[in-house]
Amino acid sequence: MLLKNSKIIVLKIGSSLLVDKNRNIRKKWLSSFAKDVKKLRSKNKKIIIVSSGAIALGCKKMNYNKKNLKLDKSQAVASIGQIQLMNLFSQIFSKYKLNISQILITLDDTEERKRSINAKRTFENLFKLNYIPIVNENDTIATSEIKYGDNDRLASRVAQITNADTLILLSDVDGLYTKNPKIFKDAKLIKQVDDLNKDIIDINTQGMTELGSGGMNTKIEAAKICNLSGCNMIIANGLYLNPISQIQEKRNCTWFIPKISKLQARKRWIISSISSKGEVLIDDGAKKAIKKGKSLLAAGIKKVVGKFDKGDHIKILDNKGNEFARALSSFSSEEINKIMGCHSNEIQKILGYVSKSEVVHKDDMVEL
């Protein structure tokens, strides 16, 4: 099963899974979910949780009706509910000795390149510290973000920037059906979608909404983002206890299989850049190392041309000035000018702070 081979898994849970129709917190469900997460962690899976629920829990605390809230009131209620949400996770997850952290994010944070690279590094460091990041939409400062189903798209963007292998969207339906299963008895569950455009062309997703704010259309949009990122996606019923175990045992869900690999997707994105911000000239030793699949280190850099920031697209030139690769730089031009020609273990001393050892990681580089 593809989940078995996934190293990084993003789990998105909607507010309807945390709070029922009567506004009761589903602690038993969250406890079973935590147990599933612990199982995945025991198999060396890196887990990210994207959770809705701040506004729902804020409304419960303040005894407000969510439907009657205006945007500015929603933001205040989200601020109140955010503490309730993280306390809930902390209370349940600590019982299973699972460390959690919080990342508040907006769609802009995942789509603007420099901010997304910073976010990616935060996720990587949390993994190293053995913490599970719990991502929430930053509703307290959002303007147009608090709207129908944006946490599905947010989850797919988080999967994209973290190079996740699989995104699981937990809903209140088993997956994608040929018709609305709540209306048509002959509706059939589509177990696997290999070609997003071709396989769903005749499906009417209107009305296939879950209990929370998201619907089937937003999940299809999330699948499109995952497809372009080389990331698998699952729509599954999260209302069951132990929802991840249910997926693995019963497989009663919809898998969206991307046409390209994660590495292909990333490299296609890098190569498609129209203009580069700068250039680095490297020696023959560094060129040979890159051709063998190695990263570019500071020791092999001879010259920097142009001014650029970390995360920007750059050209890599060989000793004769010929371009042979495109890449995303892990350092700014100012930083590279200080460390070029030096060994990696000298970087911290020269710059005065801890940073990556590679100027360009092998996964952020494409040979031409």
Protein backbone atom coordinates (compact mmCIF):
# COMPACT_ATOMS: atom_id res chain seq x y z
CA MET A 1 0.00 0.00 0.00
CA LEU A 2 1.21 3.52 -0.85
CA LEU A 3 0.78 4.74 2.74
CA LYS A 4 3.34 2.17 3.85
CA ASN A 5 5.94 3.78 1.57
CA SER A 6 5.13 7.36 2.58
CA LYS A 7 7.80 9.05 4.70
CA ILE A 8 6.01 12.37 5.22
CA ILE A 9 2.23 12.32 5.73
CA VAL A 10 -0.07 15.34 6.11
CA LEU A 11 -3.35 14.69 7.95
CA LYS A 12 -6.13 17.26 7.55
CA ILE A 13 -9.03 17.16 10.00
CA GLY A 14 -12.10 19.35 9.76
CA SER A 15 -13.92 21.07 12.60
CA SER A 16 -16.82 18.62 12.25
CA LEU A 17 -14.53 15.80 13.40
CA LEU A 18 -13.57 17.67 16.58
CA VAL A 19 -16.97 19.15 17.43
CA ASP A 20 -20.27 17.38 16.73
CA LYS A 21 -23.59 18.94 15.65
CA ASN A 22 -24.53 19.56 19.28
CA ARG A 23 -21.19 21.37 19.81
CA ASN A 24 -19.82 18.60 22.02
CA ILE A 25 -16.07 18.00 21.76
CA ARG A 26 -15.37 14.52 20.37
CA LYS A 27 -12.58 13.62 22.83
CA LYS A 28 -12.96 9.88 22.27
CA TRP A 29 -12.45 10.38 18.54
CA LEU A 30 -9.39 12.61 19.04
CA SER A 31 -7.91 10.04 21.41
CA SER A 32 -8.31 7.30 18.76
CA PHE A 33 -6.78 9.63 16.17
CA ALA A 34 -3.78 10.24 18.48
CA LYS A 35 -3.37 6.48 18.81
CA ASP A 36 -3.24 6.21 15.01
CA VAL A 37 -0.64 8.98 14.84
CA LYS A 38 1.49 7.17 17.43
CA LYS A 39 1.36 4.00 15.27
CA LEU A 40 2.53 5.96 12.23
CA ARG A 41 5.32 7.56 14.25
CA SER A 42 6.47 4.13 15.45
CA LYS A 43 7.04 3.27 11.77
CA ASN A 44 9.30 6.34 11.34
CA LYS A 45 6.67 8.41 9.53
CA LYS A 46 6.94 12.19 9.80
CA ILE A 47 3.48 13.57 10.57
CA ILE A 48 1.98 17.02 10.01
CA ILE A 49 -1.58 17.76 11.15
CA VAL A 50 -3.63 20.53 9.53
CA SER A 51 -6.56 21.21 11.81
CA SER A 52 -9.67 23.32 11.58
CA GLY A 53 -11.73 24.02 14.67
CA ALA A 54 -10.54 27.32 16.16
CA ILE A 55 -13.74 29.19 15.25
CA ALA A 56 -15.97 26.24 16.20
CA LEU A 57 -14.32 25.96 19.63
CA GLY A 58 -14.37 29.73 20.06
CA CYS A 59 -18.11 29.76 19.35
CA LYS A 60 -18.60 26.99 21.91
CA LYS A 61 -16.63 28.94 24.51
CA MET A 62 -18.53 32.19 23.84
CA ASN A 63 -21.87 30.47 23.15
CA TYR A 64 -22.11 32.09 19.70
CA ASN A 65 -23.77 30.77 16.55
CA LYS A 66 -21.09 30.40 13.86
CA LYS A 67 -23.54 31.15 11.03
CA ASN A 68 -24.32 34.62 12.38
CA LEU A 69 -20.70 35.75 12.75
CA LYS A 70 -19.29 38.54 10.58
CA LEU A 71 -15.65 38.48 9.47
CA ASP A 72 -14.24 40.78 12.16
CA LYS A 73 -16.09 38.86 14.88
CA SER A 74 -14.88 35.57 13.38
CA GLN A 75 -11.29 36.72 13.76
CA ALA A 76 -11.78 37.57 17.44
CA VAL A 77 -13.57 34.27 18.08
CA ALA A 78 -10.79 32.39 16.25
CA SER A 79 -8.25 34.00 18.59
CA ILE A 80 -10.19 32.70 21.60
CA GLY A 81 -10.76 29.29 20.04
CA GLN A 82 -7.11 28.84 19.04
CA ILE A 83 -6.10 28.40 22.68
CA GLN A 84 -8.96 25.96 23.22
CA LEU A 85 -7.88 23.97 20.15
CA MET A 86 -4.22 23.64 21.15
CA ASN A 87 -5.12 22.84 24.75
CA LEU A 88 -7.35 20.07 23.45
CA PHE A 89 -4.56 18.59 21.32
CA SER A 90 -2.02 18.97 24.12
CA GLN A 91 -4.31 17.29 26.64
CA ILE A 92 -5.02 14.26 24.41
CA PHE A 93 -1.66 13.84 22.67
CA SER A 94 0.38 14.08 25.88
CA LYS A 95 -1.35 10.90 27.08
CA TYR A 96 0.36 9.09 24.19
CA LYS A 97 3.69 10.87 24.81
CA LEU A 98 3.37 12.78 21.53
CA ASN A 99 5.02 16.21 21.46
CA ILE A 100 3.11 18.86 19.53
CA SER A 101 3.91 22.33 18.25
CA GLN A 102 1.80 24.99 16.58
CA ILE A 103 2.32 26.71 13.24
CA LEU A 104 -0.09 29.50 12.28
CA ILE A 105 -0.04 30.01 8.54
CA THR A 106 -1.93 31.65 5.68
CA LEU A 107 -2.13 30.60 2.04
CA ASP A 108 0.28 33.45 1.20
CA ASP A 109 2.92 31.89 3.47
CA THR A 110 2.90 28.75 1.34
CA GLU A 111 2.74 30.44 -2.07
CA GLU A 112 5.39 33.18 -1.66
CA ARG A 113 8.71 31.43 -2.31
CA LYS A 114 10.93 32.90 0.42
CA ARG A 115 8.29 32.52 3.10
CA SER A 116 7.57 28.94 2.01
CA ILE A 117 11.27 28.03 2.25
CA ASN A 118 11.39 29.44 5.78
CA ALA A 119 8.26 27.45 6.64
CA LYS A 120 9.81 24.29 5.18
CA ARG A 121 12.89 24.71 7.36
CA THR A 122 10.70 25.13 10.44
CA PHE A 123 8.93 21.86 9.65
CA GLU A 124 12.27 20.09 9.10
CA ASN A 125 13.66 21.32 12.43
CA LEU A 126 10.49 20.28 14.27
CA PHE A 127 10.86 16.77 12.81
CA LYS A 128 14.45 16.66 14.09
CA LEU A 129 13.25 17.73 17.55
CA ASN A 130 10.69 14.89 17.49
CA TYR A 131 7.69 17.25 17.47
CA ILE A 132 4.47 17.00 15.47
CA PRO A 133 3.56 20.32 13.82
CA ILE A 134 -0.13 21.22 14.08
CA VAL A 135 -0.94 23.75 11.39
CA ASN A 136 -3.87 26.12 11.61
CA GLU A 137 -5.10 28.80 9.28
CA ASN A 138 -4.15 32.15 10.82
CA ASP A 139 -7.80 33.17 11.04
CA THR A 140 -7.14 36.03 13.46
CA ILE A 141 -5.46 38.17 10.76
CA ALA A 142 -7.09 36.68 7.65
CA THR A 143 -9.25 38.76 5.33
CA SER A 144 -10.58 36.62 2.48
CA GLU A 145 -9.03 33.43 3.93
CA ILE A 146 -11.97 32.57 6.20
CA LYS A 147 -14.17 31.09 3.57
CA TYR A 148 -15.52 27.88 2.16
CA GLY A 149 -13.10 24.98 2.37
CA ASP A 150 -9.77 26.78 2.33
CA ASN A 151 -8.16 24.36 4.80
CA ASP A 152 -8.27 21.67 2.11
CA ARG A 153 -6.19 23.87 -0.15
CA LEU A 154 -4.01 24.97 2.76
CA ALA A 155 -3.29 21.32 3.57
CA SER A 156 -2.32 20.63 -0.05
CA ARG A 157 0.03 23.64 -0.02
CA VAL A 158 1.60 22.41 3.22
CA ALA A 159 2.06 19.00 1.56
CA GLN A 160 3.65 20.74 -1.41
CA ILE A 161 6.21 22.85 0.47
CA THR A 162 7.21 20.01 2.82
CA ASN A 163 7.62 17.53 -0.07
CA ALA A 164 5.08 15.22 1.59
CA ASP A 165 4.38 11.83 0.04
CA THR A 166 0.70 11.64 0.98
CA LEU A 167 -2.05 14.02 2.07
CA ILE A 168 -5.09 12.51 3.83
CA LEU A 169 -8.25 14.65 3.90
CA LEU A 170 -10.57 13.26 6.54
CA SER A 171 -14.19 14.03 5.63
CA ASP A 172 -17.66 12.72 6.54
CA VAL A 173 -17.93 10.60 3.37
CA ASP A 174 -15.92 7.55 2.32
CA GLY A 175 -14.44 9.32 -0.67
CA LEU A 176 -15.36 10.55 -4.14
CA TYR A 177 -18.54 9.04 -5.57
CA THR A 178 -19.96 8.94 -9.09
CA LYS A 179 -23.00 10.82 -7.69
CA ASN A 180 -24.04 12.31 -4.38
CA PRO A 181 -24.41 9.16 -2.18
CA LYS A 182 -26.83 10.93 0.17
CA ILE A 183 -29.32 11.36 -2.68
CA PHE A 184 -28.62 8.54 -5.17
CA LYS A 185 -28.60 4.91 -4.00
CA ASP A 186 -26.75 3.78 -7.12
CA ALA A 187 -23.79 6.09 -6.38
CA LYS A 188 -20.50 4.19 -6.50
CA LEU A 189 -17.29 4.94 -4.62
CA ILE A 190 -14.36 5.68 -6.92
CA LYS A 191 -11.43 3.86 -5.30
CA GLN A 192 -8.64 5.36 -7.43
CA VAL A 193 -8.20 8.41 -9.67
CA ASP A 194 -5.19 8.22 -11.99
CA ASP A 195 -6.11 11.01 -14.40
CA LEU A 196 -7.78 13.89 -12.56
CA ASN A 197 -9.17 15.65 -15.63
CA LYS A 198 -10.37 12.51 -17.40
CA ASP A 199 -11.67 10.43 -14.47
CA ILE A 200 -13.89 13.09 -12.85
CA ILE A 201 -15.23 14.85 -15.94
CA ASP A 202 -18.69 13.28 -15.64
CA ILE A 203 -19.01 13.62 -11.86
CA ASN A 204 -21.33 16.21 -10.37
CA THR A 205 -19.72 17.17 -7.04
CA GLN A 206 -22.33 19.80 -6.19
CA GLY A 207 -23.99 19.10 -2.87
CA MET A 208 -21.33 16.59 -1.79
CA THR A 209 -20.42 18.67 1.25
CA GLU A 210 -19.17 17.57 4.65
CA LEU A 211 -20.41 18.79 8.03
CA GLY A 212 -17.71 21.48 8.29
CA SER A 213 -16.89 24.34 5.93
CA GLY A 214 -15.27 22.29 3.16
CA GLY A 215 -16.94 20.47 0.30
CA MET A 216 -16.00 18.00 -2.43
CA ASN A 217 -15.07 20.77 -4.88
CA THR A 218 -12.38 22.12 -2.55
CA LYS A 219 -11.02 18.60 -2.16
CA ILE A 220 -10.76 18.27 -5.94
CA GLU A 221 -8.85 21.57 -6.00
CA ALA A 222 -6.54 20.17 -3.31
CA ALA A 223 -6.04 17.03 -5.41
CA LYS A 224 -4.97 19.19 -8.38
CA ILE A 225 -2.30 20.90 -6.26
CA CYS A 226 -1.09 17.51 -4.99
CA ASN A 227 -1.08 16.11 -8.52
CA LEU A 228 1.26 18.88 -9.70
CA SER A 229 3.46 18.31 -6.63
CA GLY A 230 3.89 14.56 -7.13
CA CYS A 231 2.01 13.93 -3.86
CA ASN A 232 -0.61 11.20 -3.33
CA MET A 233 -3.92 12.28 -1.84
CA ILE A 234 -6.68 10.38 -0.03
CA ILE A 235 -10.25 11.41 0.71
CA ALA A 236 -11.53 9.22 3.52
CA ASN A 237 -14.25 9.09 6.16
CA GLY A 238 -12.85 10.52 9.38
CA LEU A 239 -15.95 10.05 11.53
CA TYR A 240 -14.92 6.52 12.47
CA LEU A 241 -12.75 5.90 15.51
CA ASN A 242 -9.12 5.20 14.51
CA PRO A 243 -9.67 6.74 11.06
CA ILE A 244 -6.15 6.06 9.74
CA SER A 245 -6.32 2.40 10.74
CA GLN A 246 -9.68 2.21 8.93
CA ILE A 247 -7.99 3.45 5.73
CA GLN A 248 -5.20 0.89 6.02
CA GLU A 249 -7.46 -2.04 6.89
CA LYS A 250 -10.63 -1.44 4.87
CA ARG A 251 -9.24 0.79 2.09
CA ASN A 252 -12.73 2.21 1.69
CA CYS A 253 -11.55 5.57 0.37
CA THR A 254 -10.46 7.41 -2.78
CA TRP A 255 -6.79 7.57 -3.76
CA PHE A 256 -5.58 10.29 -6.13
CA ILE A 257 -2.36 9.12 -7.79
CA PRO A 258 -0.10 11.82 -9.32
CA LYS A 259 1.33 11.35 -12.81
CA ILE A 260 4.77 12.60 -11.82
CA SER A 261 7.13 11.97 -8.90
CA LYS A 262 7.89 14.51 -6.16
CA LEU A 263 11.39 15.08 -7.54
CA GLN A 264 10.12 15.49 -11.11
CA ALA A 265 7.52 18.02 -9.93
CA ARG A 266 10.07 20.06 -7.99
CA LYS A 267 12.63 20.05 -10.79
CA ARG A 268 10.00 20.97 -13.38
CA TRP A 269 9.09 23.96 -11.22
CA ILE A 270 12.74 25.02 -10.92
CA ILE A 271 13.48 24.70 -14.65
CA SER A 272 10.35 26.64 -15.62
CA SER A 273 11.66 29.89 -14.12
CA ILE A 274 11.83 32.55 -16.85
CA SER A 275 14.54 34.70 -15.30
CA SER A 276 17.20 34.00 -12.70
CA LYS A 277 18.21 36.50 -10.03
CA GLY A 278 21.93 35.77 -10.20
CA GLU A 279 24.74 33.37 -11.06
CA VAL A 280 27.45 31.39 -9.27
CA LEU A 281 30.65 30.27 -10.99
CA ILE A 282 32.02 26.96 -9.70
CA ASP A 283 35.25 24.95 -10.11
CA ASP A 284 35.67 21.64 -11.93
CA GLY A 285 35.58 19.61 -8.72
CA ALA A 286 32.18 21.02 -7.77
CA LYS A 287 30.88 20.38 -11.29
CA LYS A 288 31.96 16.73 -11.14
CA ALA A 289 30.31 16.35 -7.73
CA ILE A 290 27.02 17.80 -9.03
CA LYS A 291 27.09 15.45 -12.02
CA LYS A 292 27.37 12.57 -9.52
CA GLY A 293 24.21 13.77 -7.77
CA LYS A 294 25.86 15.74 -4.96
CA SER A 295 24.86 19.12 -3.53
CA LEU A 296 26.80 22.34 -4.20
CA LEU A 297 29.04 23.32 -1.29
CA ALA A 298 30.66 26.69 -0.58
CA ALA A 299 34.15 25.28 -1.13
CA GLY A 300 33.50 24.82 -4.86
CA ILE A 301 32.24 28.36 -5.57
CA LYS A 302 34.65 30.81 -7.22
CA LYS A 303 32.47 33.83 -8.01
CA VAL A 304 29.01 35.31 -7.41
CA VAL A 305 27.26 37.50 -10.00
CA GLY A 306 24.19 39.60 -9.18
CA LYS A 307 22.22 40.21 -6.00
CA PHE A 308 19.73 37.62 -4.77
CA ASP A 309 18.10 36.30 -1.61
CA LYS A 310 17.85 32.76 -0.29
CA GLY A 311 15.18 30.85 -2.16
CA ASP A 312 15.75 32.75 -5.41
CA HIS A 313 16.37 31.05 -8.75
CA ILE A 314 20.01 31.18 -9.83
CA LYS A 315 22.16 29.91 -12.72
CA ILE A 316 25.16 27.69 -12.03
CA LEU A 317 28.07 28.27 -14.42
CA ASP A 318 31.09 26.03 -14.90
CA ASN A 319 34.72 27.12 -14.90
CA LYS A 320 34.41 28.33 -18.53
CA GLY A 321 31.32 30.43 -17.84
CA ASN A 322 28.88 28.00 -19.47
CA GLU A 323 25.50 27.51 -17.77
CA PHE A 324 24.90 23.87 -16.94
CA ALA A 325 22.34 23.95 -14.12
CA ARG A 326 19.45 25.94 -12.58
CA ALA A 327 18.82 25.96 -8.87
CA LEU A 328 17.22 27.47 -5.77
CA SER A 329 19.85 29.02 -3.54
CA SER A 330 19.86 28.23 0.19
CA PHE A 331 21.87 31.41 0.83
CA SER A 332 21.75 35.04 -0.28
CA SER A 333 24.41 36.43 -2.62
CA GLU A 334 25.79 38.45 0.30
CA GLU A 335 26.22 35.31 2.39
CA ILE A 336 27.80 33.33 -0.47
CA ASN A 337 30.34 36.11 -1.07
CA LYS A 338 31.46 35.67 2.54
CA ILE A 339 31.65 31.86 2.58
CA MET A 340 32.69 30.89 -0.99
CA GLY A 341 35.85 28.79 -1.08
CA CYS A 342 35.40 27.81 2.58
CA HIS A 343 34.64 24.43 4.10
CA SER A 344 31.12 23.78 5.37
CA ASN A 345 32.26 23.51 9.01
CA GLU A 346 33.53 27.12 8.82
CA ILE A 347 30.20 28.65 7.73
CA GLN A 348 28.74 29.15 11.21
CA LYS A 349 31.88 30.93 12.42
CA ILE A 350 32.02 33.22 9.36
CA LEU A 351 28.32 34.16 9.31
CA GLY A 352 27.84 34.16 13.07
CA TYR A 353 24.74 31.95 13.02
CA VAL A 354 23.70 28.37 12.28
CA SER A 355 22.69 27.66 8.68
CA LYS A 356 22.58 24.88 6.12
CA SER A 357 25.83 23.26 4.99
CA GLU A 358 24.85 23.17 1.29
CA VAL A 359 24.68 26.37 -0.77
CA VAL A 360 22.34 24.46 -3.09
CA HIS A 361 20.77 21.15 -2.11
CA LYS A 362 20.81 18.45 -4.77
CA ASP A 363 16.98 18.30 -4.80
CA ASP A 364 16.85 22.05 -5.56
CA MET A 365 19.02 21.77 -8.65
CA VAL A 366 18.42 20.71 -12.26
CA GLU A 367 21.15 20.03 -14.81
CA LEU A 368 20.47 21.48 -18.27
